[in-house]
Amino acid sequence: MDLDFNKILRITIQTGKVSIGSRQTVKAVDNYQAKAVVLASNCPADVRDRVTGKVPVMDFPGIGVELGTVCSKPFAVAAMAIEDPGESKILTVIKG
């Protein structure tokens, strides 16, 4: 993944509000709290189907372990919802 995107994602996590994990991401989307979603390449199809079309989605080309590393988590992260971008420009990057 682009190093700039990884940096933007880290700024979002540090200064904004995110929900990490498939269940929390789907919940944030269903409750209209998510402004965008980042999905790992190995995100389960059912999670992908439940969020696609409801909010902008960024496909992280790495697997969940790599997304977890970018998020400074010691575990795999298949999905994460961006609820507040904080000081980052992540919504601009995701929406293109």
N, C-alpha and C. Protein backbone atom coordinates (compact mmCIF):
# COMPACT_ATOMS: atom_id res chain seq x y z
N MET A 1 0.85 -1.18 0.00
CA MET A 1 0.00 0.00 0.00
C MET A 1 0.89 1.23 0.00
N ASP A 2 0.39 2.26 -0.55
CA ASP A 2 1.10 3.52 -0.61
C ASP A 2 1.45 4.01 0.80
N LEU A 3 2.70 4.39 0.98
CA LEU A 3 3.14 4.86 2.29
C LEU A 3 2.39 6.10 2.74
N ASP A 4 2.01 6.96 1.80
CA ASP A 4 1.25 8.15 2.15
C ASP A 4 -0.10 7.77 2.74
N PHE A 5 -0.75 6.75 2.15
CA PHE A 5 -2.05 6.34 2.69
C PHE A 5 -1.87 5.76 4.09
N ASN A 6 -0.83 4.98 4.30
CA ASN A 6 -0.57 4.44 5.64
C ASN A 6 -0.39 5.56 6.65
N LYS A 7 0.33 6.60 6.26
CA LYS A 7 0.55 7.74 7.15
C LYS A 7 -0.77 8.45 7.44
N ILE A 8 -1.59 8.65 6.41
CA ILE A 8 -2.89 9.29 6.59
C ILE A 8 -3.77 8.45 7.51
N LEU A 9 -3.72 7.14 7.33
CA LEU A 9 -4.51 6.24 8.17
C LEU A 9 -4.06 6.33 9.63
N ARG A 10 -2.77 6.39 9.87
CA ARG A 10 -2.26 6.53 11.24
C ARG A 10 -2.70 7.85 11.87
N ILE A 11 -2.67 8.93 11.09
CA ILE A 11 -3.13 10.23 11.60
C ILE A 11 -4.61 10.16 11.96
N THR A 12 -5.38 9.48 11.13
CA THR A 12 -6.82 9.32 11.40
C THR A 12 -7.03 8.59 12.71
N ILE A 13 -6.30 7.53 12.94
CA ILE A 13 -6.44 6.73 14.16
C ILE A 13 -6.03 7.55 15.38
N GLN A 14 -4.97 8.34 15.25
CA GLN A 14 -4.47 9.13 16.38
C GLN A 14 -5.34 10.34 16.71
N THR A 15 -5.90 11.00 15.69
CA THR A 15 -6.61 12.26 15.94
C THR A 15 -8.12 12.19 15.73
N GLY A 16 -8.58 11.13 15.10
CA GLY A 16 -10.01 11.02 14.81
C GLY A 16 -10.67 9.91 15.60
N LYS A 17 -11.75 9.37 15.04
CA LYS A 17 -12.47 8.27 15.68
C LYS A 17 -12.71 7.19 14.65
N VAL A 18 -12.28 5.97 14.98
CA VAL A 18 -12.46 4.82 14.09
C VAL A 18 -13.04 3.66 14.88
N SER A 19 -13.74 2.80 14.17
CA SER A 19 -14.20 1.53 14.74
C SER A 19 -13.42 0.44 14.05
N ILE A 20 -12.77 -0.41 14.83
CA ILE A 20 -11.92 -1.46 14.27
C ILE A 20 -12.56 -2.81 14.47
N GLY A 21 -12.55 -3.61 13.39
CA GLY A 21 -13.12 -4.95 13.42
C GLY A 21 -14.38 -5.02 12.58
N SER A 22 -14.67 -6.21 12.10
CA SER A 22 -15.81 -6.41 11.21
C SER A 22 -17.14 -6.07 11.87
N ARG A 23 -17.37 -6.60 13.06
CA ARG A 23 -18.65 -6.34 13.73
C ARG A 23 -18.85 -4.86 14.04
N GLN A 24 -17.80 -4.22 14.54
CA GLN A 24 -17.90 -2.80 14.88
C GLN A 24 -18.08 -1.94 13.62
N THR A 25 -17.44 -2.34 12.54
CA THR A 25 -17.57 -1.60 11.28
C THR A 25 -18.98 -1.70 10.74
N VAL A 26 -19.53 -2.91 10.70
CA VAL A 26 -20.90 -3.09 10.21
C VAL A 26 -21.88 -2.32 11.09
N LYS A 27 -21.66 -2.36 12.40
CA LYS A 27 -22.53 -1.63 13.33
C LYS A 27 -22.46 -0.13 13.07
N ALA A 28 -21.26 0.40 12.86
CA ALA A 28 -21.10 1.84 12.59
C ALA A 28 -21.79 2.23 11.28
N VAL A 29 -21.70 1.38 10.27
CA VAL A 29 -22.36 1.66 8.99
C VAL A 29 -23.88 1.60 9.16
N ASP A 30 -24.37 0.56 9.83
CA ASP A 30 -25.82 0.42 10.04
C ASP A 30 -26.41 1.55 10.86
N ASN A 31 -25.62 2.11 11.78
CA ASN A 31 -26.09 3.21 12.63
C ASN A 31 -25.77 4.59 12.05
N TYR A 32 -25.34 4.63 10.78
CA TYR A 32 -25.03 5.88 10.08
C TYR A 32 -23.93 6.70 10.77
N GLN A 33 -23.03 6.03 11.45
CA GLN A 33 -21.91 6.71 12.12
C GLN A 33 -20.66 6.74 11.24
N ALA A 34 -20.55 5.79 10.32
CA ALA A 34 -19.36 5.69 9.48
C ALA A 34 -19.45 6.63 8.29
N LYS A 35 -18.37 7.35 8.04
CA LYS A 35 -18.29 8.22 6.87
C LYS A 35 -17.60 7.51 5.72
N ALA A 36 -16.80 6.50 6.04
CA ALA A 36 -16.09 5.70 5.05
C ALA A 36 -15.60 4.43 5.73
N VAL A 37 -15.20 3.46 4.91
CA VAL A 37 -14.74 2.18 5.43
C VAL A 37 -13.47 1.77 4.69
N VAL A 38 -12.55 1.15 5.42
CA VAL A 38 -11.33 0.57 4.84
C VAL A 38 -11.43 -0.93 5.05
N LEU A 39 -11.30 -1.70 3.95
CA LEU A 39 -11.41 -3.16 4.02
C LEU A 39 -10.10 -3.80 3.57
N ALA A 40 -9.63 -4.77 4.33
CA ALA A 40 -8.44 -5.55 3.94
C ALA A 40 -8.81 -6.43 2.75
N SER A 41 -7.80 -6.86 2.00
CA SER A 41 -8.06 -7.67 0.81
C SER A 41 -8.71 -9.01 1.15
N ASN A 42 -8.48 -9.51 2.36
CA ASN A 42 -9.07 -10.78 2.76
C ASN A 42 -10.28 -10.60 3.67
N CYS A 43 -10.91 -9.45 3.60
CA CYS A 43 -12.12 -9.20 4.39
C CYS A 43 -13.21 -10.18 3.96
N PRO A 44 -13.93 -10.78 4.90
CA PRO A 44 -14.99 -11.72 4.53
C PRO A 44 -16.02 -11.09 3.60
N ALA A 45 -16.49 -11.88 2.63
CA ALA A 45 -17.44 -11.38 1.63
C ALA A 45 -18.72 -10.85 2.25
N ASP A 46 -19.20 -11.48 3.33
CA ASP A 46 -20.45 -11.01 3.94
C ASP A 46 -20.29 -9.61 4.53
N VAL A 47 -19.14 -9.32 5.10
CA VAL A 47 -18.88 -7.98 5.65
C VAL A 47 -18.79 -6.98 4.50
N ARG A 48 -18.05 -7.34 3.46
CA ARG A 48 -17.91 -6.47 2.29
C ARG A 48 -19.28 -6.15 1.69
N ASP A 49 -20.13 -7.16 1.57
CA ASP A 49 -21.47 -6.97 1.00
C ASP A 49 -22.33 -6.05 1.86
N ARG A 50 -22.18 -6.13 3.17
CA ARG A 50 -23.01 -5.33 4.08
C ARG A 50 -22.65 -3.85 4.10
N VAL A 51 -21.42 -3.50 3.72
CA VAL A 51 -21.02 -2.09 3.77
C VAL A 51 -20.92 -1.44 2.40
N THR A 52 -20.69 -2.22 1.36
CA THR A 52 -20.53 -1.67 0.02
C THR A 52 -21.84 -1.03 -0.45
N GLY A 53 -21.71 0.16 -0.98
CA GLY A 53 -22.88 0.88 -1.48
C GLY A 53 -23.53 1.80 -0.46
N LYS A 54 -23.17 1.62 0.80
CA LYS A 54 -23.75 2.46 1.86
C LYS A 54 -22.85 3.65 2.19
N VAL A 55 -21.56 3.43 2.14
CA VAL A 55 -20.55 4.47 2.39
C VAL A 55 -19.40 4.25 1.42
N PRO A 56 -18.55 5.26 1.21
CA PRO A 56 -17.36 5.05 0.38
C PRO A 56 -16.46 3.97 0.99
N VAL A 57 -15.92 3.11 0.14
CA VAL A 57 -15.07 2.00 0.59
C VAL A 57 -13.70 2.11 -0.05
N MET A 58 -12.67 1.95 0.77
CA MET A 58 -11.29 1.90 0.30
C MET A 58 -10.80 0.47 0.47
N ASP A 59 -10.35 -0.13 -0.62
CA ASP A 59 -9.81 -1.48 -0.56
C ASP A 59 -8.32 -1.41 -0.24
N PHE A 60 -7.97 -1.84 0.96
CA PHE A 60 -6.57 -1.91 1.38
C PHE A 60 -5.98 -3.15 0.71
N PRO A 61 -4.93 -3.02 -0.10
CA PRO A 61 -4.43 -4.17 -0.85
C PRO A 61 -3.76 -5.25 -0.01
N GLY A 62 -3.39 -4.92 1.20
CA GLY A 62 -2.77 -5.92 2.08
C GLY A 62 -3.82 -6.73 2.80
N ILE A 63 -3.37 -7.80 3.44
CA ILE A 63 -4.28 -8.64 4.22
C ILE A 63 -4.51 -8.02 5.59
N GLY A 64 -5.39 -8.62 6.36
CA GLY A 64 -5.77 -8.09 7.66
C GLY A 64 -4.62 -7.89 8.62
N VAL A 65 -3.62 -8.76 8.58
CA VAL A 65 -2.46 -8.62 9.46
C VAL A 65 -1.72 -7.33 9.13
N GLU A 66 -1.60 -7.03 7.84
CA GLU A 66 -0.91 -5.80 7.42
C GLU A 66 -1.71 -4.56 7.81
N LEU A 67 -3.03 -4.61 7.65
CA LEU A 67 -3.87 -3.48 8.07
C LEU A 67 -3.78 -3.32 9.59
N GLY A 68 -3.75 -4.42 10.31
CA GLY A 68 -3.58 -4.36 11.76
C GLY A 68 -2.28 -3.71 12.16
N THR A 69 -1.21 -3.99 11.44
CA THR A 69 0.09 -3.38 11.70
C THR A 69 0.04 -1.87 11.48
N VAL A 70 -0.58 -1.45 10.39
CA VAL A 70 -0.72 -0.01 10.13
C VAL A 70 -1.52 0.66 11.24
N CYS A 71 -2.49 -0.07 11.79
CA CYS A 71 -3.33 0.47 12.88
C CYS A 71 -2.67 0.32 14.24
N SER A 72 -1.45 -0.18 14.28
CA SER A 72 -0.70 -0.42 15.53
C SER A 72 -1.41 -1.42 16.44
N LYS A 73 -2.03 -2.42 15.83
CA LYS A 73 -2.72 -3.46 16.58
C LYS A 73 -1.95 -4.77 16.45
N PRO A 74 -1.90 -5.57 17.51
CA PRO A 74 -1.17 -6.84 17.45
C PRO A 74 -2.02 -7.98 16.89
N PHE A 75 -3.03 -7.64 16.11
CA PHE A 75 -3.93 -8.64 15.55
C PHE A 75 -4.39 -8.18 14.17
N ALA A 76 -4.99 -9.10 13.43
CA ALA A 76 -5.48 -8.79 12.10
C ALA A 76 -6.72 -7.90 12.18
N VAL A 77 -6.82 -6.97 11.24
CA VAL A 77 -7.97 -6.08 11.15
C VAL A 77 -8.54 -6.23 9.74
N ALA A 78 -9.71 -6.85 9.63
CA ALA A 78 -10.32 -7.06 8.32
C ALA A 78 -11.05 -5.82 7.83
N ALA A 79 -11.60 -5.05 8.78
CA ALA A 79 -12.39 -3.88 8.39
C ALA A 79 -12.28 -2.80 9.46
N MET A 80 -12.39 -1.56 9.02
CA MET A 80 -12.44 -0.45 9.96
C MET A 80 -13.30 0.66 9.39
N ALA A 81 -14.06 1.29 10.26
CA ALA A 81 -14.93 2.39 9.86
C ALA A 81 -14.32 3.70 10.31
N ILE A 82 -14.36 4.68 9.44
CA ILE A 82 -13.90 6.03 9.77
C ILE A 82 -15.14 6.82 10.19
N GLU A 83 -15.22 7.16 11.47
CA GLU A 83 -16.35 7.93 11.97
C GLU A 83 -16.03 9.42 12.01
N ASP A 84 -14.79 9.75 12.33
CA ASP A 84 -14.33 11.14 12.35
C ASP A 84 -12.89 11.13 11.84
N PRO A 85 -12.60 11.83 10.76
CA PRO A 85 -11.25 11.79 10.21
C PRO A 85 -10.20 12.54 11.02
N GLY A 86 -10.62 13.29 12.01
CA GLY A 86 -9.66 14.05 12.81
C GLY A 86 -8.92 15.05 11.95
N GLU A 87 -7.61 15.09 12.09
CA GLU A 87 -6.78 16.05 11.34
C GLU A 87 -6.30 15.49 10.00
N SER A 88 -6.77 14.32 9.62
CA SER A 88 -6.31 13.69 8.37
C SER A 88 -7.20 14.09 7.19
N LYS A 89 -6.72 13.77 6.02
CA LYS A 89 -7.45 14.01 4.77
C LYS A 89 -7.95 12.70 4.18
N ILE A 90 -8.22 11.71 5.03
CA ILE A 90 -8.55 10.37 4.56
C ILE A 90 -9.84 10.33 3.74
N LEU A 91 -10.83 11.13 4.09
CA LEU A 91 -12.08 11.10 3.33
C LEU A 91 -11.87 11.59 1.91
N THR A 92 -11.00 12.55 1.72
CA THR A 92 -10.67 13.04 0.38
C THR A 92 -9.98 11.94 -0.42
N VAL A 93 -9.08 11.21 0.21
CA VAL A 93 -8.36 10.13 -0.46
C VAL A 93 -9.31 9.00 -0.83
N ILE A 94 -10.19 8.61 0.07
CA ILE A 94 -11.10 7.50 -0.19
C ILE A 94 -12.13 7.86 -1.25
N LYS A 95 -12.67 9.05 -1.20
CA LYS A 95 -13.69 9.46 -2.16
C LYS A 95 -13.10 9.80 -3.52
N GLY A 96 -11.78 9.96 -3.56
CA GLY A 96 -11.10 10.21 -4.82
C GLY A 96 -11.22 11.64 -5.23
